[in-house]
Amino acid sequence: MAVVIRLKRMGTNKKMCHRIVVTDVRNPRDGRFIEEIGSYDARKNPPLISIKKDRAEYWMKVGAKPSETVKSLLKKAV
């Protein structure tokens, strides 16, 4: 089972926010997930990024690969 850390889209059409989730690569973008480890709201000024860093580190140690967007959010959250 290949595991990835990626964004899950939430909210309505013009008022969206994202959750950072750990999921199987075969699941759809907004489908099932293993664990929710954070959230990202780009509508705020500055954008609101909250990530459980210990859980993100754990999943990356186990072998989960973050998407490009999540990788940049992890760098900004530090």
PDB file of N, CA and C in Angstrom:
ATOM      1  N   MET A   1       0.848  -1.179   0.000  1.00  0.00           N
ATOM      2  CA  MET A   1       0.000   0.000   0.000  1.00  0.00           C
ATOM      3  C   MET A   1       0.891   1.239   0.000  1.00  0.00           C
ATOM      4  N   ALA A   2       0.776   2.079  -1.030  1.00  0.00           N
ATOM      5  CA  ALA A   2       1.527   3.328  -1.108  1.00  0.00           C
ATOM      6  C   ALA A   2       0.731   4.427  -0.402  1.00  0.00           C
ATOM      7  N   VAL A   3       1.384   5.099   0.523  1.00  0.00           N
ATOM      8  CA  VAL A   3       0.721   6.123   1.333  1.00  0.00           C
ATOM      9  C   VAL A   3       1.280   7.489   0.962  1.00  0.00           C
ATOM     10  N   VAL A   4       0.374   8.478   0.824  1.00  0.00           N
ATOM     11  CA  VAL A   4       0.771   9.843   0.495  1.00  0.00           C
ATOM     12  C   VAL A   4       0.139  10.816   1.491  1.00  0.00           C
ATOM     13  N   ILE A   5       0.770  11.971   1.614  1.00  0.00           N
ATOM     14  CA  ILE A   5       0.226  13.072   2.409  1.00  0.00           C
ATOM     15  C   ILE A   5      -0.183  14.137   1.408  1.00  0.00           C
ATOM     16  N   ARG A   6      -1.475  14.454   1.367  1.00  0.00           N
ATOM     17  CA  ARG A   6      -1.962  15.415   0.378  1.00  0.00           C
ATOM     18  C   ARG A   6      -3.120  16.229   0.926  1.00  0.00           C
ATOM     19  N   LEU A   7      -3.596  17.175   0.109  1.00  0.00           N
ATOM     20  CA  LEU A   7      -4.679  18.058   0.517  1.00  0.00           C
ATOM     21  C   LEU A   7      -6.034  17.452   0.167  1.00  0.00           C
ATOM     22  N   LYS A   8      -6.996  17.669   1.049  1.00  0.00           N
ATOM     23  CA  LYS A   8      -8.380  17.281   0.813  1.00  0.00           C
ATOM     24  C   LYS A   8      -9.188  18.565   0.781  1.00  0.00           C
ATOM     25  N   ARG A   9      -9.953  18.773  -0.267  1.00  0.00           N
ATOM     26  CA  ARG A   9     -10.693  20.020  -0.430  1.00  0.00           C
ATOM     27  C   ARG A   9     -11.988  19.978   0.367  1.00  0.00           C
ATOM     28  N   MET A  10     -12.245  21.057   1.097  1.00  0.00           N
ATOM     29  CA  MET A  10     -13.446  21.172   1.925  1.00  0.00           C
ATOM     30  C   MET A  10     -14.120  22.506   1.630  1.00  0.00           C
ATOM     31  N   GLY A  11     -15.327  22.690   2.119  1.00  0.00           N
ATOM     32  CA  GLY A  11     -16.020  23.960   1.982  1.00  0.00           C
ATOM     33  C   GLY A  11     -16.877  24.022   0.732  1.00  0.00           C
ATOM     34  N   THR A  12     -17.373  25.229   0.449  1.00  0.00           N
ATOM     35  CA  THR A  12     -18.238  25.417  -0.709  1.00  0.00           C
ATOM     36  C   THR A  12     -17.432  25.926  -1.891  1.00  0.00           C
ATOM     37  N   ASN A  13     -18.133  26.245  -2.952  1.00  0.00           N
ATOM     38  CA  ASN A  13     -17.486  26.591  -4.204  1.00  0.00           C
ATOM     39  C   ASN A  13     -16.515  27.764  -4.091  1.00  0.00           C
ATOM     40  N   LYS A  14     -16.927  28.868  -3.518  1.00  0.00           N
ATOM     41  CA  LYS A  14     -16.068  30.050  -3.438  1.00  0.00           C
ATOM     42  C   LYS A  14     -15.451  30.239  -2.049  1.00  0.00           C
ATOM     43  N   LYS A  15     -15.759  29.361  -1.114  1.00  0.00           N
ATOM     44  CA  LYS A  15     -15.261  29.471   0.263  1.00  0.00           C
ATOM     45  C   LYS A  15     -14.563  28.178   0.660  1.00  0.00           C
ATOM     46  N   MET A  16     -13.553  27.788  -0.106  1.00  0.00           N
ATOM     47  CA  MET A  16     -12.918  26.508   0.165  1.00  0.00           C
ATOM     48  C   MET A  16     -11.746  26.641   1.126  1.00  0.00           C
ATOM     49  N   CYS A  17     -11.501  25.568   1.817  1.00  0.00           N
ATOM     50  CA  CYS A  17     -10.319  25.415   2.644  1.00  0.00           C
ATOM     51  C   CYS A  17      -9.851  23.978   2.429  1.00  0.00           C
ATOM     52  N   HIS A  18      -8.695  23.651   2.942  1.00  0.00           N
ATOM     53  CA  HIS A  18      -8.132  22.323   2.708  1.00  0.00           C
ATOM     54  C   HIS A  18      -7.731  21.681   4.026  1.00  0.00           C
ATOM     55  N   ARG A  19      -7.790  20.363   4.053  1.00  0.00           N
ATOM     56  CA  ARG A  19      -7.273  19.596   5.174  1.00  0.00           C
ATOM     57  C   ARG A  19      -6.108  18.773   4.663  1.00  0.00           C
ATOM     58  N   ILE A  20      -5.103  18.614   5.498  1.00  0.00           N
ATOM     59  CA  ILE A  20      -3.937  17.817   5.148  1.00  0.00           C
ATOM     60  C   ILE A  20      -4.172  16.428   5.715  1.00  0.00           C
ATOM     61  N   VAL A  21      -4.229  15.441   4.817  1.00  0.00           N
ATOM     62  CA  VAL A  21      -4.576  14.084   5.226  1.00  0.00           C
ATOM     63  C   VAL A  21      -3.534  13.086   4.745  1.00  0.00           C
ATOM     64  N   VAL A  22      -3.482  11.964   5.438  1.00  0.00           N
ATOM     65  CA  VAL A  22      -2.666  10.818   5.040  1.00  0.00           C
ATOM     66  C   VAL A  22      -3.630   9.803   4.442  1.00  0.00           C
ATOM     67  N   THR A  23      -3.355   9.377   3.210  1.00  0.00           N
ATOM     68  CA  THR A  23      -4.282   8.484   2.523  1.00  0.00           C
ATOM     69  C   THR A  23      -3.534   7.517   1.607  1.00  0.00           C
ATOM     70  N   ASP A  24      -4.237   6.504   1.166  1.00  0.00           N
ATOM     71  CA  ASP A  24      -3.706   5.590   0.170  1.00  0.00           C
ATOM     72  C   ASP A  24      -3.726   6.307  -1.178  1.00  0.00           C
ATOM     73  N   VAL A  25      -2.733   6.066  -1.993  1.00  0.00           N
ATOM     74  CA  VAL A  25      -2.603   6.761  -3.270  1.00  0.00           C
ATOM     75  C   VAL A  25      -3.765   6.421  -4.216  1.00  0.00           C
ATOM     76  N   ARG A  26      -4.406   5.280  -4.025  1.00  0.00           N
ATOM     77  CA  ARG A  26      -5.496   4.854  -4.910  1.00  0.00           C
ATOM     78  C   ARG A  26      -6.826   5.523  -4.585  1.00  0.00           C
ATOM     79  N   ASN A  27      -6.962   6.115  -3.410  1.00  0.00           N
ATOM     80  CA  ASN A  27      -8.215   6.776  -3.028  1.00  0.00           C
ATOM     81  C   ASN A  27      -8.369   8.095  -3.772  1.00  0.00           C
ATOM     82  N   PRO A  28      -9.618   8.523  -4.059  1.00  0.00           N
ATOM     83  CA  PRO A  28      -9.814   9.811  -4.712  1.00  0.00           C
ATOM     84  C   PRO A  28      -9.435  10.974  -3.799  1.00  0.00           C
ATOM     85  N   ARG A  29      -9.302  12.161  -4.368  1.00  0.00           N
ATOM     86  CA  ARG A  29      -8.828  13.339  -3.630  1.00  0.00           C
ATOM     87  C   ARG A  29      -9.644  13.586  -2.360  1.00  0.00           C
ATOM     88  N   ASP A  30     -10.964  13.547  -2.467  1.00  0.00           N
ATOM     89  CA  ASP A  30     -11.812  13.839  -1.312  1.00  0.00           C
ATOM     90  C   ASP A  30     -12.409  12.580  -0.701  1.00  0.00           C
ATOM     91  N   GLY A  31     -11.816  11.436  -0.974  1.00  0.00           N
ATOM     92  CA  GLY A  31     -12.343  10.165  -0.489  1.00  0.00           C
ATOM     93  C   GLY A  31     -11.832   9.801   0.894  1.00  0.00           C
ATOM     94  N   ARG A  32     -11.749   8.479   1.123  1.00  0.00           N
ATOM     95  CA  ARG A  32     -11.315   7.971   2.430  1.00  0.00           C
ATOM     96  C   ARG A  32      -9.897   8.402   2.730  1.00  0.00           C
ATOM     97  N   PHE A  33      -9.614   8.532   4.023  1.00  0.00           N
ATOM     98  CA  PHE A  33      -8.257   8.850   4.445  1.00  0.00           C
ATOM     99  C   PHE A  33      -7.940   8.090   5.714  1.00  0.00           C
ATOM    100  N   ILE A  34      -6.649   7.963   6.004  1.00  0.00           N
ATOM    101  CA  ILE A  34      -6.198   7.225   7.184  1.00  0.00           C
ATOM    102  C   ILE A  34      -6.217   8.131   8.404  1.00  0.00           C
ATOM    103  N   GLU A  35      -5.644   9.335   8.251  1.00  0.00           N
ATOM    104  CA  GLU A  35      -5.557  10.262   9.386  1.00  0.00           C
ATOM    105  C   GLU A  35      -5.498  11.694   8.881  1.00  0.00           C
ATOM    106  N   GLU A  36      -6.165  12.589   9.602  1.00  0.00           N
ATOM    107  CA  GLU A  36      -6.092  14.018   9.304  1.00  0.00           C
ATOM    108  C   GLU A  36      -5.006  14.615  10.192  1.00  0.00           C
ATOM    109  N   ILE A  37      -4.011  15.281   9.575  1.00  0.00           N
ATOM    110  CA  ILE A  37      -2.890  15.798  10.369  1.00  0.00           C
ATOM    111  C   ILE A  37      -2.781  17.316  10.342  1.00  0.00           C
ATOM    112  N   GLY A  38      -3.700  18.003   9.665  1.00  0.00           N
ATOM    113  CA  GLY A  38      -3.609  19.451   9.663  1.00  0.00           C
ATOM    114  C   GLY A  38      -4.645  20.098   8.772  1.00  0.00           C
ATOM    115  N   SER A  39      -4.539  21.435   8.660  1.00  0.00           N
ATOM    116  CA  SER A  39      -5.452  22.185   7.809  1.00  0.00           C
ATOM    117  C   SER A  39      -4.716  23.368   7.196  1.00  0.00           C
ATOM    118  N   TYR A  40      -5.294  23.869   6.092  1.00  0.00           N
ATOM    119  CA  TYR A  40      -4.710  24.992   5.363  1.00  0.00           C
ATOM    120  C   TYR A  40      -5.848  25.847   4.834  1.00  0.00           C
ATOM    121  N   ASP A  41      -5.832  27.128   5.187  1.00  0.00           N
ATOM    122  CA  ASP A  41      -6.862  28.058   4.720  1.00  0.00           C
ATOM    123  C   ASP A  41      -6.164  29.221   4.027  1.00  0.00           C
ATOM    124  N   ALA A  42      -6.240  29.247   2.702  1.00  0.00           N
ATOM    125  CA  ALA A  42      -5.562  30.277   1.916  1.00  0.00           C
ATOM    126  C   ALA A  42      -6.339  31.586   1.882  1.00  0.00           C
ATOM    127  N   ARG A  43      -7.599  31.601   2.322  1.00  0.00           N
ATOM    128  CA  ARG A  43      -8.408  32.817   2.274  1.00  0.00           C
ATOM    129  C   ARG A  43      -8.023  33.817   3.360  1.00  0.00           C
ATOM    130  N   LYS A  44      -7.405  33.363   4.413  1.00  0.00           N
ATOM    131  CA  LYS A  44      -6.968  34.262   5.490  1.00  0.00           C
ATOM    132  C   LYS A  44      -5.755  35.058   5.028  1.00  0.00           C
ATOM    133  N   ASN A  45      -5.510  36.160   5.691  1.00  0.00           N
ATOM    134  CA  ASN A  45      -4.331  36.970   5.357  1.00  0.00           C
ATOM    135  C   ASN A  45      -3.536  37.192   6.630  1.00  0.00           C
ATOM    136  N   PRO A  46      -2.402  36.563   6.847  1.00  0.00           N
ATOM    137  CA  PRO A  46      -1.691  35.591   6.011  1.00  0.00           C
ATOM    138  C   PRO A  46      -2.388  34.228   6.050  1.00  0.00           C
ATOM    139  N   PRO A  47      -2.101  33.360   5.078  1.00  0.00           N
ATOM    140  CA  PRO A  47      -2.743  32.041   5.044  1.00  0.00           C
ATOM    141  C   PRO A  47      -2.501  31.259   6.331  1.00  0.00           C
ATOM    142  N   LEU A  48      -3.537  30.587   6.798  1.00  0.00           N
ATOM    143  CA  LEU A  48      -3.483  29.838   8.053  1.00  0.00           C
ATOM    144  C   LEU A  48      -3.044  28.406   7.776  1.00  0.00           C
ATOM    145  N   ILE A  49      -1.911  28.010   8.357  1.00  0.00           N
ATOM    146  CA  ILE A  49      -1.383  26.658   8.197  1.00  0.00           C
ATOM    147  C   ILE A  49      -1.225  26.049   9.584  1.00  0.00           C
ATOM    148  N   SER A  50      -1.906  24.943   9.836  1.00  0.00           N
ATOM    149  CA  SER A  50      -1.724  24.240  11.112  1.00  0.00           C
ATOM    150  C   SER A  50      -1.491  22.765  10.805  1.00  0.00           C
ATOM    151  N   ILE A  51      -0.359  22.262  11.293  1.00  0.00           N
ATOM    152  CA  ILE A  51       0.034  20.882  11.027  1.00  0.00           C
ATOM    153  C   ILE A  51       0.516  20.239  12.322  1.00  0.00           C
ATOM    154  N   LYS A  52       0.096  19.007  12.565  1.00  0.00           N
ATOM    155  CA  LYS A  52       0.639  18.225  13.672  1.00  0.00           C
ATOM    156  C   LYS A  52       1.980  17.687  13.202  1.00  0.00           C
ATOM    157  N   LYS A  53       3.048  18.379  13.557  1.00  0.00           N
ATOM    158  CA  LYS A  53       4.376  18.058  13.027  1.00  0.00           C
ATOM    159  C   LYS A  53       4.856  16.679  13.452  1.00  0.00           C
ATOM    160  N   ASP A  54       4.526  16.275  14.668  1.00  0.00           N
ATOM    161  CA  ASP A  54       4.969  14.956  15.122  1.00  0.00           C
ATOM    162  C   ASP A  54       4.332  13.838  14.302  1.00  0.00           C
ATOM    163  N   ARG A  55       3.057  13.999  13.942  1.00  0.00           N
ATOM    164  CA  ARG A  55       2.377  12.987  13.135  1.00  0.00           C
ATOM    165  C   ARG A  55       2.888  12.992  11.687  1.00  0.00           C
ATOM    166  N   ALA A  56       3.177  14.187  11.158  1.00  0.00           N
ATOM    167  CA  ALA A  56       3.727  14.266   9.802  1.00  0.00           C
ATOM    168  C   ALA A  56       5.091  13.591   9.743  1.00  0.00           C
ATOM    169  N   GLU A  57       5.933  13.843  10.747  1.00  0.00           N
ATOM    170  CA  GLU A  57       7.249  13.200  10.794  1.00  0.00           C
ATOM    171  C   GLU A  57       7.116  11.686  10.915  1.00  0.00           C
ATOM    172  N   TYR A  58       6.175  11.231  11.739  1.00  0.00           N
ATOM    173  CA  TYR A  58       5.960   9.791  11.901  1.00  0.00           C
ATOM    174  C   TYR A  58       5.593   9.150  10.565  1.00  0.00           C
ATOM    175  N   TRP A  59       4.634   9.742   9.856  1.00  0.00           N
ATOM    176  CA  TRP A  59       4.186   9.149   8.601  1.00  0.00           C
ATOM    177  C   TRP A  59       5.279   9.174   7.548  1.00  0.00           C
ATOM    178  N   MET A  60       6.114  10.209   7.539  1.00  0.00           N
ATOM    179  CA  MET A  60       7.207  10.247   6.568  1.00  0.00           C
ATOM    180  C   MET A  60       8.276   9.211   6.909  1.00  0.00           C
ATOM    181  N   LYS A  61       8.489   8.943   8.207  1.00  0.00           N
ATOM    182  CA  LYS A  61       9.426   7.891   8.608  1.00  0.00           C
ATOM    183  C   LYS A  61       8.921   6.519   8.184  1.00  0.00           C
ATOM    184  N   VAL A  62       7.615   6.329   8.251  1.00  0.00           N
ATOM    185  CA  VAL A  62       7.014   5.052   7.885  1.00  0.00           C
ATOM    186  C   VAL A  62       7.044   4.853   6.365  1.00  0.00           C
ATOM    187  N   GLY A  63       7.143   5.942   5.600  1.00  0.00           N
ATOM    188  CA  GLY A  63       7.243   5.798   4.147  1.00  0.00           C
ATOM    189  C   GLY A  63       6.256   6.620   3.350  1.00  0.00           C
ATOM    190  N   ALA A  64       5.437   7.440   3.999  1.00  0.00           N
ATOM    191  CA  ALA A  64       4.487   8.278   3.267  1.00  0.00           C
ATOM    192  C   ALA A  64       5.232   9.396   2.553  1.00  0.00           C
ATOM    193  N   LYS A  65       4.822   9.674   1.324  1.00  0.00           N
ATOM    194  CA  LYS A  65       5.464  10.725   0.547  1.00  0.00           C
ATOM    195  C   LYS A  65       4.521  11.913   0.439  1.00  0.00           C
ATOM    196  N   PRO A  66       4.976  13.117   0.821  1.00  0.00           N
ATOM    197  CA  PRO A  66       4.113  14.296   0.699  1.00  0.00           C
ATOM    198  C   PRO A  66       4.030  14.777  -0.745  1.00  0.00           C
ATOM    199  N   SER A  67       2.883  15.350  -1.111  1.00  0.00           N
ATOM    200  CA  SER A  67       2.749  15.952  -2.435  1.00  0.00           C
ATOM    201  C   SER A  67       3.598  17.224  -2.478  1.00  0.00           C
ATOM    202  N   GLU A  68       3.771  17.780  -3.655  1.00  0.00           N
ATOM    203  CA  GLU A  68       4.590  18.993  -3.803  1.00  0.00           C
ATOM    204  C   GLU A  68       4.013  20.142  -2.974  1.00  0.00           C
ATOM    205  N   THR A  69       2.703  20.299  -2.998  1.00  0.00           N
ATOM    206  CA  THR A  69       2.061  21.381  -2.250  1.00  0.00           C
ATOM    207  C   THR A  69       2.238  21.188  -0.755  1.00  0.00           C
ATOM    208  N   VAL A  70       2.027  19.976  -0.277  1.00  0.00           N
ATOM    209  CA  VAL A  70       2.180  19.701   1.155  1.00  0.00           C
ATOM    210  C   VAL A  70       3.633  19.872   1.568  1.00  0.00           C
ATOM    211  N   LYS A  71       4.568  19.503   0.706  1.00  0.00           N
ATOM    212  CA  LYS A  71       5.988  19.668   1.018  1.00  0.00           C
ATOM    213  C   LYS A  71       6.316  21.145   1.237  1.00  0.00           C
ATOM    214  N   SER A  72       5.773  22.021   0.389  1.00  0.00           N
ATOM    215  CA  SER A  72       6.025  23.454   0.561  1.00  0.00           C
ATOM    216  C   SER A  72       5.313  24.005   1.793  1.00  0.00           C
ATOM    217  N   LEU A  73       4.130  23.469   2.124  1.00  0.00           N
ATOM    218  CA  LEU A  73       3.428  23.908   3.340  1.00  0.00           C
ATOM    219  C   LEU A  73       4.194  23.478   4.586  1.00  0.00           C
ATOM    220  N   LEU A  74       4.801  22.289   4.557  1.00  0.00           N
ATOM    221  CA  LEU A  74       5.593  21.841   5.701  1.00  0.00           C
ATOM    222  C   LEU A  74       6.795  22.762   5.924  1.00  0.00           C
ATOM    223  N   LYS A  75       7.420  23.218   4.857  1.00  0.00           N
ATOM    224  CA  LYS A  75       8.540  24.141   4.990  1.00  0.00           C
ATOM    225  C   LYS A  75       8.086  25.483   5.566  1.00  0.00           C
ATOM    226  N   LYS A  76       6.925  25.968   5.136  1.00  0.00           N
ATOM    227  CA  LYS A  76       6.408  27.256   5.622  1.00  0.00           C
ATOM    228  C   LYS A  76       5.969  27.173   7.074  1.00  0.00           C
ATOM    229  N   ALA A  77       5.504  26.005   7.497  1.00  0.00           N
ATOM    230  CA  ALA A  77       4.986  25.853   8.867  1.00  0.00           C
ATOM    231  C   ALA A  77       6.099  25.814   9.902  1.00  0.00           C
ATOM    232  N   VAL A  78       7.330  25.587   9.498  1.00  0.00           N
ATOM    233  CA  VAL A  78       8.451  25.491  10.446  1.00  0.00           C
ATOM    234  C   VAL A  78       8.824  26.809  10.990  1.00  0.00           C
TER     235      VAL A  78
END
